[in-house]
Amino acid sequence: MPAPPESQETESPVITPTRVVIGLCLFVPFIAMLWVGSYARVEPTFIGLPFFYWYQMLWVPLSAVLTMTAYKLVKREDAKRRAQREGDAR
């Protein structure tokens, strides 16, 4: 039985703390919008808008920021992994 390739032994783990944070950044807005019972009410109003509407509108920029954060973390992790592979190849 042949030994597994050496590159698989040096691969980073599949679940890393960074990947957990990435998952949370993408998962939190999804759950916040699906849990309608948490925001299905009129009070408190904000500049005349019922809570139901302004809460959902608040999640638009929050989701954008969280998605951008997840993207930056993925790019940073990929760059680190690529640099590690190039260092191992030398």
PDB file of N, CA and C in Angstrom:
ATOM      1  N   MET A   1       0.845  -1.173   0.000  1.00  0.00           N
ATOM      2  CA  MET A   1       0.000   0.000   0.000  1.00  0.00           C
ATOM      3  C   MET A   1       0.895   1.242   0.000  1.00  0.00           C
ATOM      4  N   PRO A   2       0.735   2.136  -0.988  1.00  0.00           N
ATOM      5  CA  PRO A   2       1.609   3.316  -1.060  1.00  0.00           C
ATOM      6  C   PRO A   2       1.278   4.334   0.038  1.00  0.00           C
ATOM      7  N   ALA A   3       2.314   5.024   0.447  1.00  0.00           N
ATOM      8  CA  ALA A   3       2.146   6.065   1.472  1.00  0.00           C
ATOM      9  C   ALA A   3       1.446   7.273   0.846  1.00  0.00           C
ATOM     10  N   PRO A   4       0.651   7.981   1.637  1.00  0.00           N
ATOM     11  CA  PRO A   4      -0.022   9.160   1.099  1.00  0.00           C
ATOM     12  C   PRO A   4       1.003  10.235   0.714  1.00  0.00           C
ATOM     13  N   PRO A   5       0.668  11.045  -0.266  1.00  0.00           N
ATOM     14  CA  PRO A   5       1.604  12.107  -0.662  1.00  0.00           C
ATOM     15  C   PRO A   5       1.948  13.011   0.507  1.00  0.00           C
ATOM     16  N   GLU A   6       3.171  13.502   0.504  1.00  0.00           N
ATOM     17  CA  GLU A   6       3.662  14.324   1.611  1.00  0.00           C
ATOM     18  C   GLU A   6       2.894  15.641   1.734  1.00  0.00           C
ATOM     19  N   SER A   7       2.375  16.171   0.635  1.00  0.00           N
ATOM     20  CA  SER A   7       1.680  17.461   0.662  1.00  0.00           C
ATOM     21  C   SER A   7       0.397  17.388   1.495  1.00  0.00           C
ATOM     22  N   GLN A   8      -0.230  16.206   1.560  1.00  0.00           N
ATOM     23  CA  GLN A   8      -1.445  16.087   2.356  1.00  0.00           C
ATOM     24  C   GLN A   8      -1.137  16.165   3.846  1.00  0.00           C
ATOM     25  N   GLU A   9       0.046  15.737   4.244  1.00  0.00           N
ATOM     26  CA  GLU A   9       0.415  15.774   5.647  1.00  0.00           C
ATOM     27  C   GLU A   9       0.622  17.203   6.132  1.00  0.00           C
ATOM     28  N   THR A  10       1.064  18.088   5.247  1.00  0.00           N
ATOM     29  CA  THR A  10       1.348  19.468   5.641  1.00  0.00           C
ATOM     30  C   THR A  10       0.182  20.407   5.385  1.00  0.00           C
ATOM     31  N   GLU A  11      -0.926  19.909   4.869  1.00  0.00           N
ATOM     32  CA  GLU A  11      -2.098  20.755   4.630  1.00  0.00           C
ATOM     33  C   GLU A  11      -2.628  21.292   5.944  1.00  0.00           C
ATOM     34  N   SER A  12      -3.165  22.505   5.902  1.00  0.00           N
ATOM     35  CA  SER A  12      -3.746  23.098   7.100  1.00  0.00           C
ATOM     36  C   SER A  12      -5.056  22.376   7.429  1.00  0.00           C
ATOM     37  N   PRO A  13      -5.465  22.417   8.690  1.00  0.00           N
ATOM     38  CA  PRO A  13      -6.713  21.744   9.059  1.00  0.00           C
ATOM     39  C   PRO A  13      -7.911  22.360   8.344  1.00  0.00           C
ATOM     40  N   VAL A  14      -8.928  21.553   8.160  1.00  0.00           N
ATOM     41  CA  VAL A  14     -10.124  22.007   7.445  1.00  0.00           C
ATOM     42  C   VAL A  14     -10.878  23.049   8.253  1.00  0.00           C
ATOM     43  N   ILE A  15     -11.013  22.842   9.537  1.00  0.00           N
ATOM     44  CA  ILE A  15     -11.722  23.797  10.396  1.00  0.00           C
ATOM     45  C   ILE A  15     -10.677  24.561  11.205  1.00  0.00           C
ATOM     46  N   THR A  16     -10.597  25.851  10.940  1.00  0.00           N
ATOM     47  CA  THR A  16      -9.678  26.723  11.661  1.00  0.00           C
ATOM     48  C   THR A  16     -10.493  27.803  12.374  1.00  0.00           C
ATOM     49  N   PRO A  17      -9.924  28.468  13.360  1.00  0.00           N
ATOM     50  CA  PRO A  17     -10.661  29.561  14.001  1.00  0.00           C
ATOM     51  C   PRO A  17     -11.081  30.647  13.003  1.00  0.00           C
ATOM     52  N   THR A  18     -10.232  30.923  12.026  1.00  0.00           N
ATOM     53  CA  THR A  18     -10.577  31.923  11.012  1.00  0.00           C
ATOM     54  C   THR A  18     -11.792  31.486  10.213  1.00  0.00           C
ATOM     55  N   ARG A  19     -11.852  30.229   9.863  1.00  0.00           N
ATOM     56  CA  ARG A  19     -12.993  29.726   9.099  1.00  0.00           C
ATOM     57  C   ARG A  19     -14.274  29.725   9.926  1.00  0.00           C
ATOM     58  N   VAL A  20     -14.158  29.544  11.219  1.00  0.00           N
ATOM     59  CA  VAL A  20     -15.333  29.624  12.094  1.00  0.00           C
ATOM     60  C   VAL A  20     -15.863  31.056  12.097  1.00  0.00           C
ATOM     61  N   VAL A  21     -14.960  32.032  12.191  1.00  0.00           N
ATOM     62  CA  VAL A  21     -15.370  33.437  12.157  1.00  0.00           C
ATOM     63  C   VAL A  21     -16.010  33.776  10.816  1.00  0.00           C
ATOM     64  N   ILE A  22     -15.443  33.273   9.736  1.00  0.00           N
ATOM     65  CA  ILE A  22     -16.009  33.491   8.394  1.00  0.00           C
ATOM     66  C   ILE A  22     -17.430  32.933   8.342  1.00  0.00           C
ATOM     67  N   GLY A  23     -17.597  31.733   8.837  1.00  0.00           N
ATOM     68  CA  GLY A  23     -18.927  31.123   8.845  1.00  0.00           C
ATOM     69  C   GLY A  23     -19.925  31.929   9.664  1.00  0.00           C
ATOM     70  N   LEU A  24     -19.493  32.424  10.810  1.00  0.00           N
ATOM     71  CA  LEU A  24     -20.381  33.237  11.642  1.00  0.00           C
ATOM     72  C   LEU A  24     -20.745  34.551  10.950  1.00  0.00           C
ATOM     73  N   CYS A  25     -19.766  35.161  10.282  1.00  0.00           N
ATOM     74  CA  CYS A  25     -20.038  36.418   9.564  1.00  0.00           C
ATOM     75  C   CYS A  25     -21.107  36.223   8.487  1.00  0.00           C
ATOM     76  N   LEU A  26     -21.129  35.069   7.878  1.00  0.00           N
ATOM     77  CA  LEU A  26     -22.109  34.804   6.822  1.00  0.00           C
ATOM     78  C   LEU A  26     -23.419  34.256   7.377  1.00  0.00           C
ATOM     79  N   PHE A  27     -23.364  33.605   8.514  1.00  0.00           N
ATOM     80  CA  PHE A  27     -24.533  32.941   9.075  1.00  0.00           C
ATOM     81  C   PHE A  27     -25.422  33.875   9.896  1.00  0.00           C
ATOM     82  N   VAL A  28     -24.830  34.809  10.618  1.00  0.00           N
ATOM     83  CA  VAL A  28     -25.578  35.685  11.521  1.00  0.00           C
ATOM     84  C   VAL A  28     -26.655  36.498  10.795  1.00  0.00           C
ATOM     85  N   PRO A  29     -26.360  37.183   9.676  1.00  0.00           N
ATOM     86  CA  PRO A  29     -27.430  37.934   9.003  1.00  0.00           C
ATOM     87  C   PRO A  29     -28.556  37.032   8.492  1.00  0.00           C
ATOM     88  N   PHE A  30     -28.193  35.859   8.060  1.00  0.00           N
ATOM     89  CA  PHE A  30     -29.168  34.893   7.562  1.00  0.00           C
ATOM     90  C   PHE A  30     -30.174  34.537   8.660  1.00  0.00           C
ATOM     91  N   ILE A  31     -29.663  34.221   9.837  1.00  0.00           N
ATOM     92  CA  ILE A  31     -30.529  33.871  10.966  1.00  0.00           C
ATOM     93  C   ILE A  31     -31.315  35.090  11.447  1.00  0.00           C
ATOM     94  N   ALA A  32     -30.676  36.246  11.473  1.00  0.00           N
ATOM     95  CA  ALA A  32     -31.354  37.460  11.945  1.00  0.00           C
ATOM     96  C   ALA A  32     -32.580  37.772  11.096  1.00  0.00           C
ATOM     97  N   MET A  33     -32.509  37.513   9.805  1.00  0.00           N
ATOM     98  CA  MET A  33     -33.644  37.798   8.932  1.00  0.00           C
ATOM     99  C   MET A  33     -34.681  36.671   8.946  1.00  0.00           C
ATOM    100  N   LEU A  34     -34.252  35.452   9.211  1.00  0.00           N
ATOM    101  CA  LEU A  34     -35.205  34.338   9.260  1.00  0.00           C
ATOM    102  C   LEU A  34     -36.010  34.306  10.556  1.00  0.00           C
ATOM    103  N   TRP A  35     -35.479  34.870  11.618  1.00  0.00           N
ATOM    104  CA  TRP A  35     -36.145  34.879  12.913  1.00  0.00           C
ATOM    105  C   TRP A  35     -37.087  36.081  12.972  1.00  0.00           C
ATOM    106  N   VAL A  36     -38.177  35.986  12.227  1.00  0.00           N
ATOM    107  CA  VAL A  36     -39.123  37.093  12.063  1.00  0.00           C
ATOM    108  C   VAL A  36     -39.771  37.469  13.391  1.00  0.00           C
ATOM    109  N   GLY A  37     -40.003  36.527  14.245  1.00  0.00           N
ATOM    110  CA  GLY A  37     -40.639  36.808  15.533  1.00  0.00           C
ATOM    111  C   GLY A  37     -39.865  37.802  16.381  1.00  0.00           C
ATOM    112  N   SER A  38     -38.579  37.923  16.142  1.00  0.00           N
ATOM    113  CA  SER A  38     -37.772  38.845  16.934  1.00  0.00           C
ATOM    114  C   SER A  38     -37.968  40.300  16.525  1.00  0.00           C
ATOM    115  N   TYR A  39     -38.459  40.548  15.328  1.00  0.00           N
ATOM    116  CA  TYR A  39     -38.624  41.930  14.872  1.00  0.00           C
ATOM    117  C   TYR A  39     -40.007  42.228  14.299  1.00  0.00           C
ATOM    118  N   ALA A  40     -40.959  41.342  14.469  1.00  0.00           N
ATOM    119  CA  ALA A  40     -42.311  41.548  13.943  1.00  0.00           C
ATOM    120  C   ALA A  40     -43.142  42.368  14.925  1.00  0.00           C
ATOM    121  N   ARG A  41     -42.801  43.656  15.013  1.00  0.00           N
ATOM    122  CA  ARG A  41     -43.541  44.562  15.894  1.00  0.00           C
ATOM    123  C   ARG A  41     -43.394  45.993  15.383  1.00  0.00           C
ATOM    124  N   VAL A  42     -44.188  46.875  15.927  1.00  0.00           N
ATOM    125  CA  VAL A  42     -44.200  48.269  15.473  1.00  0.00           C
ATOM    126  C   VAL A  42     -43.245  49.121  16.309  1.00  0.00           C
ATOM    127  N   GLU A  43     -43.235  48.922  17.606  1.00  0.00           N
ATOM    128  CA  GLU A  43     -42.404  49.733  18.503  1.00  0.00           C
ATOM    129  C   GLU A  43     -41.055  49.081  18.696  1.00  0.00           C
ATOM    130  N   PRO A  44     -40.005  49.793  18.849  1.00  0.00           N
ATOM    131  CA  PRO A  44     -39.861  51.240  18.845  1.00  0.00           C
ATOM    132  C   PRO A  44     -39.764  51.778  17.412  1.00  0.00           C
ATOM    133  N   THR A  45     -40.338  52.916  17.217  1.00  0.00           N
ATOM    134  CA  THR A  45     -40.248  53.550  15.899  1.00  0.00           C
ATOM    135  C   THR A  45     -38.983  54.402  15.833  1.00  0.00           C
ATOM    136  N   PHE A  46     -38.489  54.604  14.627  1.00  0.00           N
ATOM    137  CA  PHE A  46     -37.300  55.417  14.390  1.00  0.00           C
ATOM    138  C   PHE A  46     -37.603  56.348  13.230  1.00  0.00           C
ATOM    139  N   ILE A  47     -37.599  57.618  13.465  1.00  0.00           N
ATOM    140  CA  ILE A  47     -37.990  58.676  12.512  1.00  0.00           C
ATOM    141  C   ILE A  47     -39.295  58.333  11.793  1.00  0.00           C
ATOM    142  N   GLY A  48     -40.219  57.798  12.559  1.00  0.00           N
ATOM    143  CA  GLY A  48     -41.540  57.491  12.033  1.00  0.00           C
ATOM    144  C   GLY A  48     -41.677  56.126  11.381  1.00  0.00           C
ATOM    145  N   LEU A  49     -40.591  55.375  11.289  1.00  0.00           N
ATOM    146  CA  LEU A  49     -40.641  54.034  10.693  1.00  0.00           C
ATOM    147  C   LEU A  49     -40.848  52.985  11.779  1.00  0.00           C
ATOM    148  N   PRO A  50     -41.767  52.056  11.546  1.00  0.00           N
ATOM    149  CA  PRO A  50     -41.944  50.966  12.517  1.00  0.00           C
ATOM    150  C   PRO A  50     -40.674  50.109  12.612  1.00  0.00           C
ATOM    151  N   PHE A  51     -40.490  49.503  13.761  1.00  0.00           N
ATOM    152  CA  PHE A  51     -39.309  48.658  14.012  1.00  0.00           C
ATOM    153  C   PHE A  51     -39.129  47.610  12.923  1.00  0.00           C
ATOM    154  N   PHE A  52     -40.211  47.014  12.463  1.00  0.00           N
ATOM    155  CA  PHE A  52     -40.165  45.970  11.448  1.00  0.00           C
ATOM    156  C   PHE A  52     -39.360  46.404  10.224  1.00  0.00           C
ATOM    157  N   TYR A  53     -39.547  47.644   9.803  1.00  0.00           N
ATOM    158  CA  TYR A  53     -38.872  48.135   8.602  1.00  0.00           C
ATOM    159  C   TYR A  53     -37.442  48.594   8.866  1.00  0.00           C
ATOM    160  N   TRP A  54     -37.243  49.399   9.904  1.00  0.00           N
ATOM    161  CA  TRP A  54     -35.894  49.912  10.088  1.00  0.00           C
ATOM    162  C   TRP A  54     -34.921  48.839  10.557  1.00  0.00           C
ATOM    163  N   TYR A  55     -35.412  47.819  11.241  1.00  0.00           N
ATOM    164  CA  TYR A  55     -34.545  46.711  11.645  1.00  0.00           C
ATOM    165  C   TYR A  55     -34.017  45.974  10.412  1.00  0.00           C
ATOM    166  N   GLN A  56     -34.902  45.716   9.465  1.00  0.00           N
ATOM    167  CA  GLN A  56     -34.473  45.037   8.245  1.00  0.00           C
ATOM    168  C   GLN A  56     -33.513  45.897   7.429  1.00  0.00           C
ATOM    169  N   MET A  57     -33.777  47.198   7.357  1.00  0.00           N
ATOM    170  CA  MET A  57     -32.889  48.104   6.629  1.00  0.00           C
ATOM    171  C   MET A  57     -31.534  48.232   7.319  1.00  0.00           C
ATOM    172  N   LEU A  58     -31.509  48.116   8.636  1.00  0.00           N
ATOM    173  CA  LEU A  58     -30.252  48.151   9.371  1.00  0.00           C
ATOM    174  C   LEU A  58     -29.360  46.972   8.993  1.00  0.00           C
ATOM    175  N   TRP A  59     -29.985  45.839   8.689  1.00  0.00           N
ATOM    176  CA  TRP A  59     -29.212  44.653   8.341  1.00  0.00           C
ATOM    177  C   TRP A  59     -28.589  44.725   6.951  1.00  0.00           C
ATOM    178  N   VAL A  60     -29.025  45.617   6.102  1.00  0.00           N
ATOM    179  CA  VAL A  60     -28.422  45.747   4.765  1.00  0.00           C
ATOM    180  C   VAL A  60     -26.955  46.168   4.890  1.00  0.00           C
ATOM    181  N   PRO A  61     -26.635  47.300   5.542  1.00  0.00           N
ATOM    182  CA  PRO A  61     -25.211  47.638   5.667  1.00  0.00           C
ATOM    183  C   PRO A  61     -24.450  46.688   6.595  1.00  0.00           C
ATOM    184  N   LEU A  62     -25.127  46.189   7.643  1.00  0.00           N
ATOM    185  CA  LEU A  62     -24.455  45.230   8.521  1.00  0.00           C
ATOM    186  C   LEU A  62     -24.053  43.966   7.763  1.00  0.00           C
ATOM    187  N   SER A  63     -24.940  43.478   6.910  1.00  0.00           N
ATOM    188  CA  SER A  63     -24.633  42.292   6.116  1.00  0.00           C
ATOM    189  C   SER A  63     -23.493  42.564   5.141  1.00  0.00           C
ATOM    190  N   ALA A  64     -23.478  43.756   4.577  1.00  0.00           N
ATOM    191  CA  ALA A  64     -22.392  44.123   3.660  1.00  0.00           C
ATOM    192  C   ALA A  64     -21.051  44.140   4.393  1.00  0.00           C
ATOM    193  N   VAL A  65     -21.031  44.706   5.591  1.00  0.00           N
ATOM    194  CA  VAL A  65     -19.789  44.761   6.373  1.00  0.00           C
ATOM    195  C   VAL A  65     -19.351  43.359   6.779  1.00  0.00           C
ATOM    196  N   LEU A  66     -20.278  42.531   7.207  1.00  0.00           N
ATOM    197  CA  LEU A  66     -19.931  41.165   7.604  1.00  0.00           C
ATOM    198  C   LEU A  66     -19.462  40.330   6.412  1.00  0.00           C
ATOM    199  N   THR A  67     -20.087  40.514   5.260  1.00  0.00           N
ATOM    200  CA  THR A  67     -19.658  39.796   4.060  1.00  0.00           C
ATOM    201  C   THR A  67     -18.273  40.253   3.622  1.00  0.00           C
ATOM    202  N   MET A  68     -18.018  41.559   3.687  1.00  0.00           N
ATOM    203  CA  MET A  68     -16.696  42.077   3.343  1.00  0.00           C
ATOM    204  C   MET A  68     -15.636  41.542   4.305  1.00  0.00           C
ATOM    205  N   THR A  69     -15.972  41.470   5.583  1.00  0.00           N
ATOM    206  CA  THR A  69     -15.050  40.917   6.565  1.00  0.00           C
ATOM    207  C   THR A  69     -14.733  39.460   6.255  1.00  0.00           C
ATOM    208  N   ALA A  70     -15.758  38.689   5.932  1.00  0.00           N
ATOM    209  CA  ALA A  70     -15.550  37.280   5.582  1.00  0.00           C
ATOM    210  C   ALA A  70     -14.667  37.159   4.340  1.00  0.00           C
ATOM    211  N   TYR A  71     -14.903  38.001   3.353  1.00  0.00           N
ATOM    212  CA  TYR A  71     -14.109  37.983   2.126  1.00  0.00           C
ATOM    213  C   TYR A  71     -12.642  38.284   2.419  1.00  0.00           C
ATOM    214  N   LYS A  72     -12.391  39.319   3.224  1.00  0.00           N
ATOM    215  CA  LYS A  72     -11.009  39.691   3.562  1.00  0.00           C
ATOM    216  C   LYS A  72     -10.320  38.558   4.328  1.00  0.00           C
ATOM    217  N   LEU A  73     -11.043  37.911   5.231  1.00  0.00           N
ATOM    218  CA  LEU A  73     -10.465  36.800   5.986  1.00  0.00           C
ATOM    219  C   LEU A  73     -10.135  35.619   5.078  1.00  0.00           C
ATOM    220  N   VAL A  74     -11.007  35.336   4.120  1.00  0.00           N
ATOM    221  CA  VAL A  74     -10.749  34.243   3.174  1.00  0.00           C
ATOM    222  C   VAL A  74      -9.517  34.558   2.341  1.00  0.00           C
ATOM    223  N   LYS A  75      -9.423  35.794   1.839  1.00  0.00           N
ATOM    224  CA  LYS A  75      -8.268  36.180   1.026  1.00  0.00           C
ATOM    225  C   LYS A  75      -6.976  36.083   1.840  1.00  0.00           C
ATOM    226  N   ARG A  76      -7.014  36.535   3.101  1.00  0.00           N
ATOM    227  CA  ARG A  76      -5.827  36.484   3.951  1.00  0.00           C
ATOM    228  C   ARG A  76      -5.409  35.039   4.226  1.00  0.00           C
ATOM    229  N   GLU A  77      -6.387  34.184   4.495  1.00  0.00           N
ATOM    230  CA  GLU A  77      -6.076  32.776   4.758  1.00  0.00           C
ATOM    231  C   GLU A  77      -5.524  32.085   3.512  1.00  0.00           C
ATOM    232  N   ASP A  78      -6.095  32.391   2.351  1.00  0.00           N
ATOM    233  CA  ASP A  78      -5.588  31.824   1.102  1.00  0.00           C
ATOM    234  C   ASP A  78      -4.156  32.272   0.817  1.00  0.00           C
ATOM    235  N   ALA A  79      -3.866  33.548   1.047  1.00  0.00           N
ATOM    236  CA  ALA A  79      -2.512  34.058   0.834  1.00  0.00           C
ATOM    237  C   ALA A  79      -1.522  33.380   1.779  1.00  0.00           C
ATOM    238  N   LYS A  80      -1.935  33.199   3.025  1.00  0.00           N
ATOM    239  CA  LYS A  80      -1.071  32.540   4.006  1.00  0.00           C
ATOM    240  C   LYS A  80      -0.814  31.089   3.599  1.00  0.00           C
ATOM    241  N   ARG A  81      -1.867  30.405   3.153  1.00  0.00           N
ATOM    242  CA  ARG A  81      -1.728  29.007   2.737  1.00  0.00           C
ATOM    243  C   ARG A  81      -0.840  28.899   1.500  1.00  0.00           C
ATOM    244  N   ARG A  82      -1.020  29.832   0.553  1.00  0.00           N
ATOM    245  CA  ARG A  82      -0.208  29.833  -0.663  1.00  0.00           C
ATOM    246  C   ARG A  82       1.262  30.087  -0.327  1.00  0.00           C
ATOM    247  N   ALA A  83       1.529  31.027   0.569  1.00  0.00           N
ATOM    248  CA  ALA A  83       2.902  31.317   0.977  1.00  0.00           C
ATOM    249  C   ALA A  83       3.523  30.121   1.691  1.00  0.00           C
ATOM    250  N   GLN A  84       2.729  29.439   2.485  1.00  0.00           N
ATOM    251  CA  GLN A  84       3.236  28.259   3.189  1.00  0.00           C
ATOM    252  C   GLN A  84       3.583  27.160   2.189  1.00  0.00           C
ATOM    253  N   ARG A  85       2.731  26.957   1.185  1.00  0.00           N
ATOM    254  CA  ARG A  85       3.005  25.943   0.163  1.00  0.00           C
ATOM    255  C   ARG A  85       4.255  26.276  -0.621  1.00  0.00           C
ATOM    256  N   GLU A  86       4.440  27.563  -0.962  1.00  0.00           N
ATOM    257  CA  GLU A  86       5.639  27.967  -1.702  1.00  0.00           C
ATOM    258  C   GLU A  86       6.883  27.797  -0.848  1.00  0.00           C
ATOM    259  N   GLY A  87       6.762  28.059   0.440  1.00  0.00           N
ATOM    260  CA  GLY A  87       7.886  27.864   1.351  1.00  0.00           C
ATOM    261  C   GLY A  87       8.243  26.403   1.505  1.00  0.00           C
ATOM    262  N   ASP A  88       7.235  25.533   1.514  1.00  0.00           N
ATOM    263  CA  ASP A  88       7.473  24.092   1.617  1.00  0.00           C
ATOM    264  C   ASP A  88       8.073  23.536   0.331  1.00  0.00           C
ATOM    265  N   ALA A  89       7.742  24.136  -0.811  1.00  0.00           N
ATOM    266  CA  ALA A  89       8.236  23.652  -2.100  1.00  0.00           C
ATOM    267  C   ALA A  89       9.717  23.970  -2.274  1.00  0.00           C
ATOM    268  N   ARG A  90      10.214  24.969  -1.554  1.00  0.00           N
ATOM    269  CA  ARG A  90      11.643  25.348  -1.718  1.00  0.00           C
ATOM    270  C   ARG A  90      12.504  24.437  -0.980  1.00  0.00           C
TER     271      ARG A  90
END
